[in-house]
Amino acid sequence: MKFDVAIIGGGPAGYTAAEAAGKAGLTVVIFEKNSLGGVCLNEGCIPTKTLLYSAKTFDSACHASKYGISATDVSFDLSKIIARKTKVVRKLVLGVKAKLTAHHVQIVTGEASVVDKHTVKCGEEIYQCENLIICTGSVTAIPPIPGIQEVNYWTHRDALDNKELPASLIIIGGGVIGMEFASFFNSLGTEVTVVEMLDEILFGMDKELATALRAEYAKKGIKFLLSSKVKALSNEDGKIGVAYENENGAETIIAERVIVSTGRRPAGNNIGLENLALKRTERGNILVDEQMQTSVPGVYVCGDLTGFSLLAHTAVREAEVAVHAILGKQDSMSYRAIPGVVYTNPEIAGVGETEESLQAKGISYKSLKLPMAYSGRFVAENEGVNGICKVLVAEDETILGAHVLGNPASEIITLAGMAVEQRLTAEAWKKIVFPHPTVCEIFREAL
């Protein structure tokens, strides 16, 4: 069997590439060893956001009196929350499959391996291709903590399927995944402690806003242990002990459950990449050009395997660029304006440069900062809640970055992303007419 394009991995990069190539009339085969949609759809982006929306709805009901609404005996059913999450995922997976089928993409379930640039093997079958796109995603990185193999810890996957609410929970890692689970379990009444090795949560996000978000969750009862290194895990009478060390010394805390959320690593093992002899970056990631092509002509890599940005929306755009290159369309990948979002309550989102990244690069800038209360719509919908909007502007008035703490940061950050990507000046952005009243007006107010 011979195809114009063979794609290994059915996550956001893979299924986007398959759909785009199939729609363009190319013959396409896609290999996925688990479920279409990859980690993002099956055990990441979508299921966590589904759970977080249930938690947010519960939060809103519990505080409905702030808005003149009486809601008594508010409760939740965790098993039904999990069941709804499963239903949402199943529906979207079927949607992905339907799209690929509509564009005549051949879907092969199984573990594929690369024989050479024109040959892929899956099971006993051999598939020939003119172009190869590798989109194998990433896997949970489990650190070698002493005792970790002796305790029943959770990864994000275990937490997503759990139907019994723990009374206490320790989350190792204060990154995006860790904070989203901290938000979810805190909303449902679990006693949550976050242990983070760095001096602040959400590394890579605007530090001032990350600090403000941590303060909000500290008010809600979450305990944060920053600059704390986990030294060992242990079983403690049916619970789990986490021994950590910081400037105050060493201590052990105990909880019913522990989530290990210390990041992810690209998944490129056991797929035959060594048969391609691809050039690598200094950090060991696969080297690609602006069209996502590797050092081997006709072989493209998209998504987490490049190491640029382990985010689904980045992978989607990379896949589009790769297919355009195959089709001979002029296009190139830009990482200037990749949005980052944490779906806590309140949300935090940012795009472009942060103050920390600008300072590290020695770039002069000015920070335009406003409370979210300058947006009438935000005040109307967020009783008693604070927020921050920050826009970073270069000396020539070009928009360098923007960061928002407050709902719905995830929905408005793209406006700032467009300004960053298009290198708009503050004056040019201000000329855009923003609908009133909307939360996104906060950007215009900040300018």
Protein backbone atom coordinates (compact mmCIF):
# COMPACT_ATOMS: atom_id res chain seq x y z
CA MET A 1 0.00 0.00 0.00
CA LYS A 2 1.39 3.36 -1.02
CA PHE A 3 0.28 6.81 0.21
CA ASP A 4 1.18 10.42 -0.42
CA VAL A 5 1.43 10.98 3.33
CA ALA A 6 1.90 8.63 6.28
CA ILE A 7 1.33 10.05 9.75
CA ILE A 8 2.44 8.41 12.99
CA GLY A 9 0.36 9.62 15.94
CA GLY A 10 -3.33 10.54 16.07
CA GLY A 11 -3.19 13.46 18.50
CA PRO A 12 -3.90 17.11 17.63
CA ALA A 13 -0.91 17.36 15.27
CA GLY A 14 -1.59 14.01 13.64
CA TYR A 15 -5.31 14.28 13.04
CA THR A 16 -4.98 17.93 11.92
CA ALA A 17 -2.33 16.95 9.37
CA ALA A 18 -4.40 13.98 8.20
CA GLU A 19 -7.54 16.04 7.74
CA ALA A 20 -5.71 18.86 5.93
CA ALA A 21 -3.85 16.48 3.62
CA GLY A 22 -6.95 14.41 2.89
CA LYS A 23 -9.01 17.53 2.22
CA ALA A 24 -6.35 18.63 -0.29
CA GLY A 25 -6.79 15.37 -2.21
CA LEU A 26 -3.69 13.52 -0.98
CA THR A 27 -3.87 9.85 -0.06
CA VAL A 28 -3.26 9.57 3.68
CA VAL A 29 -2.76 6.86 6.27
CA ILE A 30 -2.59 7.64 9.99
CA PHE A 31 -1.37 5.29 12.71
CA GLU A 32 -2.52 5.53 16.33
CA LYS A 33 -1.68 2.90 18.93
CA ASN A 34 -4.33 3.96 21.46
CA SER A 35 -7.25 6.29 20.72
CA LEU A 36 -7.64 9.02 18.12
CA GLY A 37 -7.25 12.41 19.72
CA GLY A 38 -4.10 11.49 21.58
CA VAL A 39 -3.32 12.56 25.13
CA CYS A 40 -4.99 15.97 24.73
CA LEU A 41 -8.42 14.66 23.85
CA ASN A 42 -8.43 11.42 25.84
CA GLU A 43 -6.55 12.22 29.03
CA GLY A 44 -5.47 15.85 28.95
CA CYS A 45 -6.95 19.10 27.65
CA ILE A 46 -10.57 18.08 27.13
CA PRO A 47 -11.26 15.79 30.12
CA THR A 48 -9.57 18.15 32.59
CA LYS A 49 -11.53 21.13 31.27
CA THR A 50 -14.74 19.12 31.52
CA LEU A 51 -14.03 18.36 35.18
CA LEU A 52 -12.99 21.94 35.86
CA TYR A 53 -16.24 23.26 34.38
CA SER A 54 -18.23 21.04 36.75
CA ALA A 55 -16.13 22.36 39.65
CA LYS A 56 -16.64 25.94 38.47
CA THR A 57 -20.40 25.37 38.22
CA PHE A 58 -20.40 24.03 41.77
CA ASP A 59 -18.37 27.02 42.94
CA SER A 60 -20.82 29.39 41.29
CA ALA A 61 -23.81 27.67 42.86
CA CYS A 62 -22.22 27.80 46.30
CA HIS A 63 -21.68 31.55 45.95
CA ALA A 64 -24.90 32.34 44.10
CA SER A 65 -26.06 34.63 46.91
CA LYS A 66 -23.48 37.19 45.75
CA TYR A 67 -25.65 37.67 42.68
CA GLY A 68 -28.98 37.77 44.46
CA ILE A 69 -29.71 34.10 43.76
CA SER A 70 -30.75 31.63 46.45
CA ALA A 71 -29.36 28.12 45.99
CA THR A 72 -29.74 25.81 48.98
CA ASP A 73 -28.42 22.31 49.61
CA VAL A 74 -25.92 22.55 46.75
CA SER A 75 -24.09 19.27 46.24
CA PHE A 76 -22.25 17.26 43.61
CA ASP A 77 -21.96 13.65 42.49
CA LEU A 78 -18.35 12.85 41.58
CA SER A 79 -19.30 9.67 39.73
CA LYS A 80 -21.66 11.66 37.49
CA ILE A 81 -18.98 14.31 36.93
CA ILE A 82 -16.58 11.58 35.79
CA ALA A 83 -19.29 9.95 33.66
CA ARG A 84 -19.99 13.25 31.90
CA LYS A 85 -16.27 13.69 31.25
CA THR A 86 -16.16 10.25 29.64
CA LYS A 87 -19.21 11.04 27.49
CA VAL A 88 -17.68 14.32 26.27
CA VAL A 89 -14.41 12.61 25.35
CA ARG A 90 -16.20 9.79 23.52
CA LYS A 91 -18.29 12.27 21.53
CA LEU A 92 -15.26 14.27 20.43
CA VAL A 93 -13.20 11.18 19.54
CA LEU A 94 -16.03 10.03 17.29
CA GLY A 95 -16.06 13.51 15.76
CA VAL A 96 -12.36 13.30 14.90
CA LYS A 97 -12.85 9.86 13.35
CA ALA A 98 -15.80 11.10 11.30
CA LYS A 99 -13.79 14.02 9.92
CA LEU A 100 -10.91 11.79 8.89
CA THR A 101 -13.24 9.27 7.30
CA ALA A 102 -15.00 12.03 5.39
CA HIS A 103 -11.66 12.99 3.82
CA HIS A 104 -10.82 9.36 2.96
CA VAL A 105 -8.01 9.02 5.49
CA GLN A 106 -7.12 5.40 6.24
CA ILE A 107 -6.99 4.90 10.01
CA VAL A 108 -4.76 2.11 11.30
CA THR A 109 -4.88 1.15 14.97
CA GLY A 110 -1.55 -0.20 16.14
CA GLU A 111 2.03 0.66 17.04
CA ALA A 112 3.86 1.86 13.95
CA SER A 113 7.60 1.95 13.42
CA VAL A 114 9.74 3.66 10.82
CA VAL A 115 11.75 1.40 8.51
CA ASP A 116 13.05 4.26 6.36
CA LYS A 117 11.80 7.64 5.10
CA HIS A 118 9.41 5.97 2.67
CA THR A 119 8.41 2.91 4.71
CA VAL A 120 6.35 2.37 7.86
CA LYS A 121 5.59 -0.99 9.44
CA CYS A 122 2.56 -1.68 11.66
CA GLY A 123 2.04 -5.24 12.78
CA GLU A 124 2.87 -7.41 9.80
CA GLU A 125 1.80 -4.79 7.25
CA ILE A 126 4.16 -2.55 5.29
CA TYR A 127 3.06 0.92 4.15
CA GLN A 128 4.90 3.00 1.56
CA CYS A 129 4.74 6.81 1.51
CA GLU A 130 6.12 9.81 -0.33
CA ASN A 131 6.09 11.97 2.82
CA LEU A 132 6.25 11.05 6.48
CA ILE A 133 4.92 13.16 9.36
CA ILE A 134 5.82 12.08 12.90
CA CYS A 135 3.53 13.32 15.67
CA THR A 136 4.04 10.97 18.61
CA GLY A 137 3.30 13.49 21.37
CA SER A 138 4.60 13.19 24.91
CA VAL A 139 4.30 11.07 28.04
CA THR A 140 4.20 11.84 31.74
CA ALA A 141 7.67 12.31 33.19
CA ILE A 142 7.99 10.39 36.46
CA PRO A 143 10.99 11.58 38.51
CA PRO A 144 13.22 9.02 40.27
CA ILE A 145 12.03 9.90 43.78
CA PRO A 146 13.14 7.34 46.35
CA GLY A 147 10.17 5.18 47.36
CA ILE A 148 7.96 6.19 44.43
CA GLN A 149 7.61 2.60 43.22
CA GLU A 150 6.44 1.47 46.66
CA VAL A 151 3.47 3.85 46.95
CA ASN A 152 0.18 4.04 45.07
CA TYR A 153 0.63 7.51 43.59
CA TRP A 154 -1.60 9.07 40.94
CA THR A 155 -0.68 10.50 37.57
CA HIS A 156 -3.10 12.90 35.88
CA ARG A 157 -4.73 9.88 34.19
CA ASP A 158 -5.57 8.25 37.52
CA ALA A 159 -6.96 11.51 38.90
CA LEU A 160 -9.23 11.88 35.86
CA ASP A 161 -10.89 8.52 36.42
CA ASN A 162 -11.10 8.50 40.20
CA LYS A 163 -14.68 8.31 41.52
CA GLU A 164 -13.94 8.74 45.22
CA LEU A 165 -12.99 12.13 46.59
CA PRO A 166 -9.90 12.01 48.84
CA ALA A 167 -10.07 14.00 52.06
CA SER A 168 -6.48 15.15 51.56
CA LEU A 169 -4.23 15.42 48.54
CA ILE A 170 -0.60 16.38 47.94
CA ILE A 171 0.33 17.52 44.44
CA ILE A 172 4.00 17.29 43.55
CA GLY A 173 4.56 20.00 40.95
CA GLY A 174 2.98 23.44 40.69
CA GLY A 175 2.88 23.63 36.91
CA VAL A 176 -0.21 23.87 34.71
CA ILE A 177 -1.46 20.32 35.26
CA GLY A 178 -0.75 20.43 38.98
CA MET A 179 -2.57 23.73 39.47
CA GLU A 180 -5.59 22.65 37.45
CA PHE A 181 -6.02 19.55 39.59
CA ALA A 182 -5.41 21.64 42.70
CA SER A 183 -8.25 23.91 41.57
CA PHE A 184 -10.60 20.99 40.85
CA PHE A 185 -10.09 19.13 44.11
CA ASN A 186 -10.05 22.31 46.19
CA SER A 187 -13.44 23.31 44.76
CA LEU A 188 -14.88 19.94 45.76
CA GLY A 189 -13.63 20.24 49.34
CA THR A 190 -10.39 18.25 49.38
CA GLU A 191 -7.55 19.55 51.55
CA VAL A 192 -4.84 20.29 48.97
CA THR A 193 -1.11 20.89 49.39
CA VAL A 194 1.11 21.81 46.43
CA VAL A 195 4.83 21.10 46.67
CA GLU A 196 6.89 23.04 44.10
CA MET A 197 10.66 22.91 43.69
CA LEU A 198 10.89 26.45 42.22
CA ASP A 199 10.22 29.69 44.06
CA GLU A 200 6.85 30.21 42.35
CA ILE A 201 4.12 28.18 40.70
CA LEU A 202 3.47 28.15 36.93
CA PHE A 203 6.99 28.55 35.63
CA GLY A 204 6.93 30.35 32.27
CA MET A 205 3.80 32.35 33.02
CA ASP A 206 4.02 36.00 34.11
CA LYS A 207 5.46 35.71 37.62
CA GLU A 208 3.50 38.60 39.14
CA LEU A 209 0.20 37.11 37.98
CA ALA A 210 1.24 33.61 39.06
CA THR A 211 1.94 35.00 42.53
CA ALA A 212 -1.48 36.68 42.56
CA LEU A 213 -3.19 33.43 41.53
CA ARG A 214 -1.38 31.56 44.28
CA ALA A 215 -2.58 34.15 46.79
CA GLU A 216 -6.18 33.61 45.61
CA TYR A 217 -5.89 29.87 46.14
CA ALA A 218 -4.18 30.30 49.48
CA LYS A 219 -7.32 32.19 50.55
CA LYS A 220 -9.34 29.19 49.40
CA GLY A 221 -7.32 26.94 51.64
CA ILE A 222 -4.62 25.45 49.42
CA LYS A 223 -1.25 25.19 51.13
CA PHE A 224 1.83 25.92 49.01
CA LEU A 225 5.34 24.70 49.79
CA LEU A 226 7.63 26.59 47.41
CA SER A 227 11.37 26.10 46.89
CA SER A 228 10.79 22.63 48.32
CA LYS A 229 12.44 19.53 46.92
CA VAL A 230 10.74 16.17 47.42
CA LYS A 231 13.24 13.72 48.88
CA ALA A 232 11.19 10.53 49.30
CA LEU A 233 7.73 8.95 49.30
CA SER A 234 6.57 6.38 51.82
CA ASN A 235 3.52 4.41 52.94
CA GLU A 236 2.11 5.69 56.23
CA ASP A 237 -0.74 3.58 57.70
CA GLY A 238 -2.76 3.53 54.51
CA LYS A 239 -1.76 7.05 53.51
CA ILE A 240 1.25 8.44 51.66
CA GLY A 241 4.08 10.41 53.20
CA VAL A 242 5.98 13.03 51.22
CA ALA A 243 9.35 13.98 52.66
CA TYR A 244 10.59 17.34 51.43
CA GLU A 245 13.37 19.77 52.17
CA ASN A 246 13.62 23.56 51.91
CA GLU A 247 15.44 26.43 53.59
CA ASN A 248 13.52 25.76 56.79
CA GLY A 249 14.78 22.20 57.01
CA ALA A 250 13.29 18.77 56.31
CA GLU A 251 9.74 17.62 57.03
CA THR A 252 7.27 14.92 56.05
CA ILE A 253 3.61 15.63 55.24
CA ILE A 254 0.94 12.97 54.86
CA ALA A 255 -2.19 12.72 52.70
CA GLU A 256 -4.63 10.13 51.42
CA ARG A 257 -3.50 10.62 47.85
CA VAL A 258 -0.52 12.05 45.97
CA ILE A 259 -0.52 13.31 42.38
CA VAL A 260 2.87 13.37 40.67
CA SER A 261 2.74 16.21 38.16
CA THR A 262 6.32 17.11 37.35
CA GLY A 263 5.97 17.63 33.61
CA ARG A 264 6.02 15.68 30.37
CA ARG A 265 8.70 14.51 27.96
CA PRO A 266 8.54 13.90 24.19
CA ALA A 267 7.61 10.34 23.24
CA GLY A 268 9.95 9.22 20.48
CA ASN A 269 11.21 5.87 21.71
CA ASN A 270 10.59 2.52 20.01
CA ILE A 271 9.26 3.97 16.76
CA GLY A 272 12.36 3.48 14.64
CA LEU A 273 13.61 7.06 14.61
CA GLU A 274 17.17 5.76 14.71
CA ASN A 275 16.63 4.46 11.17
CA LEU A 276 16.32 8.02 9.90
CA ALA A 277 19.48 9.46 11.52
CA LEU A 278 17.75 12.79 12.11
CA LYS A 279 19.78 15.75 13.29
CA ARG A 280 19.10 16.88 16.85
CA THR A 281 19.24 20.15 18.74
CA GLU A 282 21.63 20.75 21.64
CA ARG A 283 18.84 19.69 24.01
CA GLY A 284 18.30 16.43 22.14
CA ASN A 285 15.07 17.36 20.38
CA ILE A 286 14.60 16.69 16.67
CA LEU A 287 15.83 19.60 14.56
CA VAL A 288 13.23 21.04 12.16
CA ASP A 289 13.14 24.07 9.89
CA GLU A 290 10.39 26.71 9.61
CA GLN A 291 8.31 24.28 7.51
CA MET A 292 8.63 21.56 10.20
CA GLN A 293 10.86 19.49 7.90
CA THR A 294 13.69 17.54 9.50
CA SER A 295 17.23 17.11 8.19
CA VAL A 296 15.85 14.29 6.02
CA PRO A 297 13.84 15.67 3.07
CA GLY A 298 10.23 14.52 3.08
CA VAL A 299 10.22 13.74 6.81
CA TYR A 300 8.37 16.20 9.05
CA VAL A 301 7.99 16.34 12.82
CA CYS A 302 5.15 18.20 14.56
CA GLY A 303 3.98 18.55 18.14
CA ASP A 304 5.77 17.70 21.36
CA LEU A 305 8.63 15.84 19.69
CA THR A 306 10.13 19.16 18.50
CA GLY A 307 10.44 20.39 22.10
CA PHE A 308 9.32 23.91 21.15
CA SER A 309 5.99 23.93 22.95
CA LEU A 310 4.18 20.97 24.46
CA LEU A 311 0.77 22.48 23.74
CA ALA A 312 -2.03 21.13 21.55
CA HIS A 313 -2.69 24.42 19.77
CA THR A 314 0.98 24.73 18.84
CA ALA A 315 0.90 21.21 17.42
CA VAL A 316 -2.18 22.01 15.33
CA ARG A 317 -0.48 24.99 13.69
CA GLU A 318 2.74 23.02 13.13
CA ALA A 319 0.74 20.31 11.37
CA GLU A 320 -0.87 22.86 9.06
CA VAL A 321 2.55 24.25 8.16
CA ALA A 322 3.93 20.76 7.42
CA VAL A 323 1.04 19.88 5.11
CA HIS A 324 1.35 23.23 3.35
CA ALA A 325 5.03 22.45 2.74
CA ILE A 326 4.09 19.09 1.22
CA LEU A 327 1.52 20.80 -0.99
CA GLY A 328 4.04 23.44 -2.06
CA LYS A 329 2.17 26.29 -0.37
CA GLN A 330 4.23 29.10 1.10
CA ASP A 331 3.97 29.03 4.89
CA SER A 332 6.23 29.01 7.94
CA MET A 333 5.91 28.35 11.65
CA SER A 334 6.10 31.26 14.08
CA TYR A 335 6.38 30.85 17.85
CA ARG A 336 6.12 34.58 18.54
CA ALA A 337 2.57 34.42 19.90
CA ILE A 338 1.83 31.01 21.41
CA PRO A 339 -0.87 31.48 24.09
CA GLY A 340 -0.48 29.78 27.44
CA VAL A 341 -3.58 29.20 29.57
CA VAL A 342 -4.23 27.72 33.00
CA TYR A 343 -7.90 26.83 33.46
CA THR A 344 -8.10 27.45 37.17
CA ASN A 345 -10.87 29.59 38.66
CA PRO A 346 -9.90 32.37 38.05
CA GLU A 347 -8.12 31.59 34.80
CA ILE A 348 -4.69 32.92 33.97
CA ALA A 349 -3.47 33.37 30.39
CA GLY A 350 -0.55 34.97 28.62
CA VAL A 351 0.94 35.37 25.16
CA GLY A 352 4.22 36.66 23.83
CA GLU A 353 7.01 37.85 26.08
CA THR A 354 6.84 38.01 29.86
CA GLU A 355 8.63 40.58 31.98
CA GLU A 356 11.03 37.82 33.02
CA SER A 357 11.85 36.80 29.43
CA LEU A 358 12.35 40.42 28.36
CA GLN A 359 14.66 41.09 31.29
CA ALA A 360 16.65 37.94 30.49
CA LYS A 361 17.05 39.12 26.88
CA GLY A 362 17.96 42.66 27.92
CA ILE A 363 15.05 44.15 25.97
CA SER A 364 13.68 47.49 27.14
CA TYR A 365 9.92 47.66 27.65
CA LYS A 366 7.18 49.33 29.62
CA SER A 367 4.48 47.50 31.54
CA LEU A 368 0.92 48.81 31.26
CA LYS A 369 -1.09 47.29 34.09
CA LEU A 370 -4.70 47.65 35.20
CA PRO A 371 -7.04 45.92 37.62
CA MET A 372 -9.67 43.90 35.77
CA ALA A 373 -12.23 46.08 37.54
CA TYR A 374 -11.67 48.64 34.76
CA SER A 375 -13.85 46.35 32.63
CA GLY A 376 -17.53 46.87 33.40
CA ARG A 377 -18.43 43.40 32.13
CA PHE A 378 -15.83 41.83 34.42
CA VAL A 379 -17.26 43.64 37.46
CA ALA A 380 -20.80 42.58 36.50
CA GLU A 381 -19.85 38.90 36.31
CA ASN A 382 -17.17 38.58 38.99
CA GLU A 383 -18.58 39.80 42.28
CA GLY A 384 -15.88 40.28 44.90
CA VAL A 385 -13.13 38.91 42.65
CA ASN A 386 -9.94 40.72 41.72
CA GLY A 387 -7.94 40.39 38.52
CA ILE A 388 -5.02 41.90 36.63
CA CYS A 389 -4.35 42.80 33.00
CA LYS A 390 -0.81 43.54 31.91
CA VAL A 391 0.35 44.62 28.45
CA LEU A 392 4.07 44.79 27.64
CA VAL A 393 5.09 47.40 25.07
CA ALA A 394 8.45 47.94 23.35
CA GLU A 395 10.21 51.30 23.08
CA ASP A 396 8.82 51.62 19.54
CA GLU A 397 5.30 50.98 20.94
CA THR A 398 5.10 47.46 19.46
CA ILE A 399 3.05 45.01 21.56
CA LEU A 400 5.46 42.42 22.98
CA GLY A 401 3.18 40.44 25.26
CA ALA A 402 0.00 40.45 27.31
CA HIS A 403 -1.09 38.61 30.45
CA VAL A 404 -4.46 38.31 32.17
CA LEU A 405 -5.58 36.96 35.54
CA GLY A 406 -9.35 36.72 35.67
CA ASN A 407 -12.21 35.01 33.84
CA PRO A 408 -12.50 34.56 30.91
CA ALA A 409 -8.77 35.04 30.26
CA SER A 410 -8.67 31.98 27.99
CA GLU A 411 -11.26 33.45 25.64
CA ILE A 412 -9.77 36.93 25.25
CA ILE A 413 -6.04 36.19 25.10
CA THR A 414 -6.19 35.50 21.34
CA LEU A 415 -6.87 39.20 20.75
CA ALA A 416 -3.53 39.98 22.33
CA GLY A 417 -1.94 37.11 20.44
CA MET A 418 -3.01 38.66 17.15
CA ALA A 419 -1.50 41.98 18.19
CA VAL A 420 1.80 40.31 19.12
CA GLU A 421 1.94 38.13 15.99
CA GLN A 422 1.13 41.04 13.66
CA ARG A 423 3.53 43.35 15.52
CA LEU A 424 0.83 45.95 16.08
CA THR A 425 1.73 49.15 17.85
CA ALA A 426 -0.27 50.31 20.83
CA GLU A 427 -1.76 53.08 18.70
CA ALA A 428 -2.81 50.65 15.96
CA TRP A 429 -4.39 48.24 18.45
CA LYS A 430 -6.32 51.06 20.10
CA LYS A 431 -7.95 51.86 16.76
CA ILE A 432 -9.67 48.48 16.76
CA VAL A 433 -13.30 48.85 17.89
CA PHE A 434 -13.97 46.61 20.88
CA PRO A 435 -17.61 45.68 21.57
CA HIS A 436 -19.04 47.13 24.78
CA PRO A 437 -19.48 45.80 27.36
CA THR A 438 -16.99 42.96 27.05
CA VAL A 439 -14.12 41.80 29.23
CA CYS A 440 -11.71 42.12 26.28
CA GLU A 441 -12.09 45.92 26.50
CA ILE A 442 -9.56 45.68 29.32
CA PHE A 443 -6.78 45.59 26.70
CA ARG A 444 -7.92 48.92 25.24
CA GLU A 445 -8.19 50.39 28.74
CA ALA A 446 -4.67 49.25 29.55
CA LEU A 447 -3.34 50.94 26.42
